[in-house]
């Protein structure tokens, strides 16, 4: 009986995921935003990788790496972030364990303080770890607090914070051991926004073929919540390839650090089309009318890898409590956002 139930659930998830590709719902939401007087923008918005957009203090903030540090742009509308006012949040000093290769920074607010989470290293990529910085204002400078790690202190990138039942958890991509070859998603409890106080627990490993193209990778976890439901979006397969894509984990309740309580969709939820190759590493915003938007990077031209990424933004909807993303937006598509 349990095997039959598991099979039926798998079939239902497959149908739901396949239906999200074909659904006209995102297009309808975009038309509704246009009819409501939303501001238009032609996709892609700009060149860039790992886009992190967040709203706070009456404006939007776009957080990104500048190689050996972090910059943030600020604007009153998300479509202006590409040309918005830039502030330098942090420049790394020389000759430290965190002086080089700042990857995928994220800006979060807890209480009255702002926190930046970013992967950094010395001159060796194999030494990448997650670091946390603290500031009082997203337009101001940030102080390096230090490394944020579980006791294993393994290679780690793409960290984000998950808030669940008044507790904080850190979720990131890392190696199981000391060598490259596969990236998994891990979770650990946080004592406060700068400290992990538990061992790490694996949430997901790349077991589907679409997660293993060129290299078995799960990375870039992002939290998505709606009406009491909790999801993790993540990027899969080689980030330098056209096959990079977005997968989805659904939390079904119970102990949040137990991977058995997370159900993986059998298919990617956002994958390549012509003009949008390698869609991955997302963040989320919500418009004034409550419509949800996903922001991610993708390549206009096939085979251009890390150097050809551009930032896209599009609305997505919900059906039966599950997100419906549709297909990636292609160059020339007009997207509307109601602020």
Protein backbone atom coordinates (compact mmCIF):
# COMPACT_ATOMS: atom_id res chain seq x y z
CA UNK A 1 0.00 0.00 0.00
CA UNK A 2 2.81 2.41 0.88
CA UNK A 3 4.54 1.68 -2.44
CA UNK A 4 1.33 2.40 -4.36
CA UNK A 5 0.79 5.66 -2.49
CA UNK A 6 4.39 6.72 -3.16
CA UNK A 7 3.94 5.96 -6.87
CA UNK A 8 0.71 7.99 -7.04
CA UNK A 9 2.37 10.94 -5.33
CA UNK A 10 5.26 10.74 -7.79
CA UNK A 11 2.86 10.73 -10.73
CA UNK A 12 0.95 13.70 -9.28
CA UNK A 13 4.17 15.68 -8.78
CA UNK A 14 5.22 14.87 -12.34
CA UNK A 15 1.91 16.11 -13.73
CA UNK A 16 2.02 19.27 -11.58
CA UNK A 17 5.58 20.08 -12.65
CA UNK A 18 4.91 19.41 -16.33
CA UNK A 19 1.77 21.54 -16.10
CA UNK A 20 3.76 24.47 -14.74
CA UNK A 21 5.77 24.59 -17.99
CA UNK A 22 2.67 24.75 -20.15
CA UNK A 23 0.53 26.98 -17.96
CA UNK A 24 -0.63 30.35 -19.33
CA UNK A 25 -0.91 31.66 -15.75
CA UNK A 26 2.32 33.76 -15.72
CA UNK A 27 1.30 35.41 -19.01
CA UNK A 28 -2.13 36.25 -17.59
CA UNK A 29 -0.53 37.79 -14.51
CA UNK A 30 1.75 39.89 -16.70
CA UNK A 31 -1.25 41.14 -18.68
CA UNK A 32 -3.08 41.99 -15.46
CA UNK A 33 -0.08 44.04 -14.31
CA UNK A 34 -0.11 45.85 -17.67
CA UNK A 35 -3.85 46.56 -17.41
CA UNK A 36 -3.36 47.89 -13.86
CA UNK A 37 -0.80 50.43 -15.06
CA UNK A 38 2.34 48.53 -14.16
CA UNK A 39 5.61 49.86 -15.43
CA UNK A 40 7.08 47.97 -18.42
CA UNK A 41 10.62 46.78 -18.98
CA UNK A 42 12.16 44.82 -21.84
CA UNK A 43 13.95 41.64 -20.85
CA UNK A 44 16.73 41.08 -20.05
CA UNK A 45 17.15 43.88 -17.56
CA UNK A 46 20.96 43.95 -17.63
CA UNK A 47 24.05 41.80 -17.58
CA UNK A 48 24.80 40.08 -14.29
CA UNK A 49 24.99 36.90 -12.25
CA UNK A 50 23.30 35.51 -9.13
CA UNK A 51 20.81 38.41 -8.82
CA UNK A 52 19.74 39.18 -5.26
CA UNK A 53 16.91 41.71 -5.06
CA UNK A 54 15.35 42.74 -1.75
CA UNK A 55 12.96 45.50 -0.64
CA UNK A 56 13.59 47.55 2.47
CA UNK A 57 13.31 51.08 3.88
CA UNK A 58 11.04 52.17 1.04
CA UNK A 59 13.30 51.17 -1.84
CA UNK A 60 14.79 48.18 -3.61
CA UNK A 61 18.35 46.92 -3.24
CA UNK A 62 20.38 44.86 -5.71
CA UNK A 63 23.32 43.12 -4.09
CA UNK A 64 26.25 41.85 -6.20
CA UNK A 65 29.92 40.96 -6.14
CA UNK A 66 32.66 43.30 -7.34
CA UNK A 67 35.37 40.64 -7.24
CA UNK A 68 37.05 41.38 -3.92
CA UNK A 69 34.06 42.95 -2.25
CA UNK A 70 30.34 43.71 -2.37
CA UNK A 71 28.35 46.55 -3.92
CA UNK A 72 24.67 47.40 -3.59
CA UNK A 73 22.52 49.45 -5.94
CA UNK A 74 19.44 51.25 -4.69
CA UNK A 75 16.31 52.46 -6.52
CA UNK A 76 12.64 53.22 -6.03
CA UNK A 77 11.64 50.67 -8.68
CA UNK A 78 13.22 47.26 -9.36
CA UNK A 79 13.54 48.06 -13.07
CA UNK A 80 15.90 50.93 -12.14
CA UNK A 81 18.34 48.84 -10.16
CA UNK A 82 20.66 48.33 -13.10
CA UNK A 83 21.40 52.07 -13.16
CA UNK A 84 20.54 52.89 -9.55
CA UNK A 85 22.85 54.61 -7.11
CA UNK A 86 25.73 52.31 -6.19
CA UNK A 87 27.29 52.11 -2.74
CA UNK A 88 30.29 49.98 -1.82
CA UNK A 89 29.24 47.85 1.14
CA UNK A 90 32.63 46.23 1.68
CA UNK A 91 36.11 45.94 0.17
CA UNK A 92 38.20 43.04 1.37
CA UNK A 93 41.64 43.60 2.87
CA UNK A 94 44.62 41.81 1.38
CA UNK A 95 46.21 38.58 2.57
CA UNK A 96 43.30 37.13 4.53
CA UNK A 97 41.25 33.95 4.17
CA UNK A 98 38.47 36.11 2.67
CA UNK A 99 40.37 38.45 0.32
CA UNK A 100 39.34 36.94 -3.01
CA UNK A 101 36.48 35.69 -5.20
CA UNK A 102 33.34 37.04 -3.56
CA UNK A 103 30.42 35.00 -4.86
CA UNK A 104 26.62 35.42 -4.72
CA UNK A 105 26.17 37.94 -1.87
CA UNK A 106 22.77 38.21 -0.20
CA UNK A 107 21.38 41.05 1.92
CA UNK A 108 19.01 40.23 4.81
CA UNK A 109 17.45 42.25 7.60
CA UNK A 110 16.95 40.90 11.12
CA UNK A 111 15.70 43.33 13.75
CA UNK A 112 17.31 46.71 13.27
CA UNK A 113 20.44 45.39 11.55
CA UNK A 114 21.32 44.30 8.03
CA UNK A 115 23.47 41.28 7.25
CA UNK A 116 25.41 40.27 4.15
CA UNK A 117 26.14 36.60 3.50
CA UNK A 118 28.77 35.82 0.88
CA UNK A 119 31.21 33.14 -0.18
CA UNK A 120 34.85 34.25 -0.19
CA UNK A 121 38.30 32.73 -0.30
CA UNK A 122 42.03 33.37 -0.37
CA UNK A 123 43.65 32.71 -3.75
CA UNK A 124 42.44 29.09 -3.82
CA UNK A 125 38.86 28.34 -4.87
CA UNK A 126 38.97 25.13 -2.82
CA UNK A 127 39.21 27.35 0.28
CA UNK A 128 35.82 29.00 -0.26
CA UNK A 129 33.76 29.38 2.91
CA UNK A 130 30.71 31.43 3.85
CA UNK A 131 31.19 34.77 5.61
CA UNK A 132 28.80 37.20 7.29
CA UNK A 133 28.97 41.00 7.52
CA UNK A 134 26.82 43.38 9.55
CA UNK A 135 25.63 46.94 8.96
CA UNK A 136 23.06 49.45 10.14
CA UNK A 137 21.96 50.69 6.72
CA UNK A 138 21.98 49.05 3.26
CA UNK A 139 23.44 52.32 1.96
CA UNK A 140 26.27 52.29 4.48
CA UNK A 141 29.42 50.28 5.00
CA UNK A 142 29.42 46.78 6.50
CA UNK A 143 31.72 45.21 9.07
CA UNK A 144 33.17 41.77 8.50
CA UNK A 145 32.00 39.59 11.40
CA UNK A 146 33.76 36.49 10.14
CA UNK A 147 33.24 32.99 8.86
CA UNK A 148 29.87 31.33 9.43
CA UNK A 149 30.28 27.56 9.50
CA UNK A 150 29.16 24.34 11.11
CA UNK A 151 31.80 22.28 12.98
CA UNK A 152 32.81 20.34 9.84
CA UNK A 153 34.09 23.57 8.21
CA UNK A 154 33.90 22.16 4.68
CA UNK A 155 33.87 24.05 1.38
CA UNK A 156 30.73 26.20 1.27
CA UNK A 157 29.05 28.70 -1.08
CA UNK A 158 25.62 30.25 -1.78
CA UNK A 159 24.44 30.58 1.81
CA UNK A 160 20.98 31.88 2.67
CA UNK A 161 18.84 32.13 5.81
CA UNK A 162 15.58 30.27 6.38
CA UNK A 163 13.21 31.43 9.13
CA UNK A 164 10.91 28.71 10.45
CA UNK A 165 8.82 28.63 13.64
CA UNK A 166 10.73 31.55 15.21
CA UNK A 167 14.09 29.86 14.55
CA UNK A 168 16.83 30.63 12.03
CA UNK A 169 18.52 28.06 9.81
CA UNK A 170 21.43 28.46 7.44
CA UNK A 171 21.14 26.69 4.08
CA UNK A 172 24.06 26.42 1.65
CA UNK A 173 25.83 24.38 -1.02
CA UNK A 174 28.90 22.41 -0.05
CA UNK A 175 31.17 19.43 -0.50
CA UNK A 176 30.77 16.29 1.54
CA UNK A 177 34.54 15.95 1.98
CA UNK A 178 37.65 17.89 1.06
CA UNK A 179 37.54 17.49 -2.72
CA UNK A 180 35.38 18.80 -5.54
CA UNK A 181 33.19 16.48 -7.58
CA UNK A 182 29.67 16.94 -6.18
CA UNK A 183 27.78 19.71 -4.41
CA UNK A 184 24.94 19.04 -1.98
CA UNK A 185 22.53 21.30 -0.10
CA UNK A 186 23.04 21.47 3.68
CA UNK A 187 21.11 23.01 6.56
CA UNK A 188 22.11 23.90 10.14
CA UNK A 189 20.45 25.69 13.06
CA UNK A 190 21.55 29.25 13.86
CA UNK A 191 21.86 30.70 17.34
CA UNK A 192 21.69 34.21 15.87
CA UNK A 193 22.19 35.80 12.42
CA UNK A 194 25.97 35.40 12.62
CA UNK A 195 26.38 32.01 14.31
CA UNK A 196 25.65 28.38 13.45
CA UNK A 197 25.26 26.25 16.59
CA UNK A 198 24.55 22.77 15.23
CA UNK A 199 26.05 20.17 12.96
CA UNK A 200 25.09 20.26 9.30
CA UNK A 201 22.38 18.05 7.82
CA UNK A 202 22.10 17.20 4.14
CA UNK A 203 18.85 18.33 2.51
CA UNK A 204 19.42 17.38 -1.11
CA UNK A 205 21.98 15.71 -3.32
CA UNK A 206 21.91 15.69 -7.15
CA UNK A 207 20.32 12.33 -7.93
CA UNK A 208 18.29 13.14 -11.07
CA UNK A 209 19.92 13.21 -14.49
CA UNK A 210 18.96 16.87 -14.97
CA UNK A 211 20.90 17.71 -11.77
CA UNK A 212 24.05 15.94 -12.97
CA UNK A 213 24.76 17.32 -16.43
CA UNK A 214 28.50 18.05 -16.70
CA UNK A 215 28.77 17.76 -12.91
CA UNK A 216 26.41 16.68 -10.09
CA UNK A 217 25.49 20.01 -8.49
CA UNK A 218 22.85 21.41 -6.14
CA UNK A 219 23.55 25.06 -5.27
CA UNK A 220 22.01 28.52 -4.92
CA UNK A 221 19.21 27.60 -2.46
CA UNK A 222 16.47 30.22 -2.10
CA UNK A 223 13.51 30.25 0.29
CA UNK A 224 9.98 30.66 -1.06
CA UNK A 225 6.94 30.80 1.27
CA UNK A 226 3.24 31.19 0.56
CA UNK A 227 0.21 30.73 2.84
CA UNK A 228 2.06 28.51 5.28
CA UNK A 229 3.77 26.40 2.60
CA UNK A 230 7.56 26.33 2.45
CA UNK A 231 9.74 25.65 -0.60
CA UNK A 232 13.41 25.78 -1.53
CA UNK A 233 14.37 26.67 -5.09
CA UNK A 234 17.89 25.62 -6.06
CA UNK A 235 20.15 25.52 -9.10
CA UNK A 236 21.32 22.24 -10.62
CA UNK A 237 23.95 20.89 -13.06
CA UNK A 238 27.06 22.76 -14.19
CA UNK A 239 26.66 26.51 -13.71
CA UNK A 240 28.91 27.17 -16.73
CA UNK A 241 26.64 25.22 -19.11
CA UNK A 242 23.39 25.75 -20.99
CA UNK A 243 21.89 22.92 -18.90
CA UNK A 244 21.94 24.89 -15.64
CA UNK A 245 18.36 24.94 -14.34
CA UNK A 246 16.15 25.44 -11.29
CA UNK A 247 14.79 22.63 -9.12
CA UNK A 248 12.30 22.69 -6.26
CA UNK A 249 12.09 21.10 -2.81
CA UNK A 250 8.75 21.09 -0.97
CA UNK A 251 8.68 20.90 2.84
CA UNK A 252 5.92 18.63 4.10
CA UNK A 253 6.27 19.35 7.82
CA UNK A 254 8.06 17.76 10.73
CA UNK A 255 11.71 18.24 11.62
CA UNK A 256 13.01 20.76 9.13
CA UNK A 257 16.58 19.41 9.14
CA UNK A 258 15.43 15.89 8.15
CA UNK A 259 15.77 15.46 4.39
CA UNK A 260 12.97 12.88 4.44
CA UNK A 261 10.58 15.78 5.11
CA UNK A 262 11.57 17.51 1.88
CA UNK A 263 10.09 16.27 -1.40
CA UNK A 264 11.99 16.98 -4.60
CA UNK A 265 10.08 17.72 -7.81
CA UNK A 266 10.91 15.08 -10.44
CA UNK A 267 11.57 17.70 -13.14
CA UNK A 268 13.27 21.10 -13.10
CA UNK A 269 10.83 24.01 -12.67
CA UNK A 270 12.74 26.42 -14.93
CA UNK A 271 14.93 25.18 -17.75
CA UNK A 272 16.51 26.45 -20.95
CA UNK A 273 14.71 27.72 -24.03
CA UNK A 274 16.11 29.58 -27.04
CA UNK A 275 17.40 32.96 -25.84
CA UNK A 276 17.38 31.88 -22.18
CA UNK A 277 20.09 29.29 -21.70
CA UNK A 278 21.14 28.07 -18.26
CA UNK A 279 18.48 29.80 -16.12
CA UNK A 280 19.49 29.69 -12.48
CA UNK A 281 20.27 31.29 -9.10
CA UNK A 282 17.09 33.19 -8.29
CA UNK A 283 15.58 35.60 -5.80
CA UNK A 284 12.01 36.86 -5.34
CA UNK A 285 9.99 40.07 -5.07
CA UNK A 286 6.32 40.87 -4.67
CA UNK A 287 4.50 43.74 -6.40
CA UNK A 288 1.98 46.12 -4.85
CA UNK A 289 -0.96 43.96 -5.95
CA UNK A 290 0.55 40.84 -4.35
CA UNK A 291 1.87 39.25 -7.55
CA UNK A 292 5.06 37.25 -7.04
CA UNK A 293 8.10 37.69 -9.28
CA UNK A 294 11.17 35.53 -9.77
CA UNK A 295 14.51 37.12 -10.69
CA UNK A 296 17.25 34.91 -12.14
CA UNK A 297 20.09 34.93 -14.63
CA UNK A 298 20.19 33.25 -18.05
CA UNK A 299 22.28 33.53 -21.20
CA UNK A 300 21.07 35.07 -24.45
CA UNK A 301 23.49 33.01 -26.54
CA UNK A 302 24.18 29.31 -26.14
CA UNK A 303 27.63 28.28 -24.99
CA UNK A 304 28.62 31.62 -23.42
CA UNK A 305 28.96 30.23 -19.87
CA UNK A 306 29.64 32.48 -16.89
CA UNK A 307 30.46 35.49 -19.11
CA UNK A 308 27.16 35.65 -20.97
CA UNK A 309 24.67 35.94 -18.13
CA UNK A 310 21.85 38.47 -18.06
CA UNK A 311 19.24 39.23 -15.41
CA UNK A 312 15.59 38.34 -16.10
CA UNK A 313 12.44 39.01 -14.08
CA UNK A 314 8.96 37.58 -14.56
CA UNK A 315 5.71 37.01 -12.65
CA UNK A 316 4.68 33.58 -11.49
CA UNK A 317 1.46 32.23 -10.08
CA UNK A 318 0.15 29.55 -7.75
CA UNK A 319 -2.04 26.52 -8.33
CA UNK A 320 -3.18 24.15 -5.58
CA UNK A 321 -0.64 25.79 -3.28
CA UNK A 322 2.32 25.20 -5.60
CA UNK A 323 4.29 27.76 -7.67
CA UNK A 324 3.78 27.90 -11.42
CA UNK A 325 6.76 29.52 -13.20
CA UNK A 326 6.11 28.80 -16.86
CA UNK A 327 9.02 29.22 -19.29
CA UNK A 328 11.97 31.63 -19.00
CA UNK A 329 11.45 35.06 -20.51
CA UNK A 330 13.30 35.48 -23.81
CA UNK A 331 15.00 38.65 -25.12
CA UNK A 332 12.52 41.31 -26.18
CA UNK A 333 9.75 40.17 -23.86
CA UNK A 334 8.03 43.06 -22.04
CA UNK A 335 7.37 42.47 -18.35
CA UNK A 336 5.19 44.75 -16.19
CA UNK A 337 5.66 45.45 -12.48
CA UNK A 338 3.14 47.35 -10.35
CA UNK A 339 4.79 49.23 -7.50
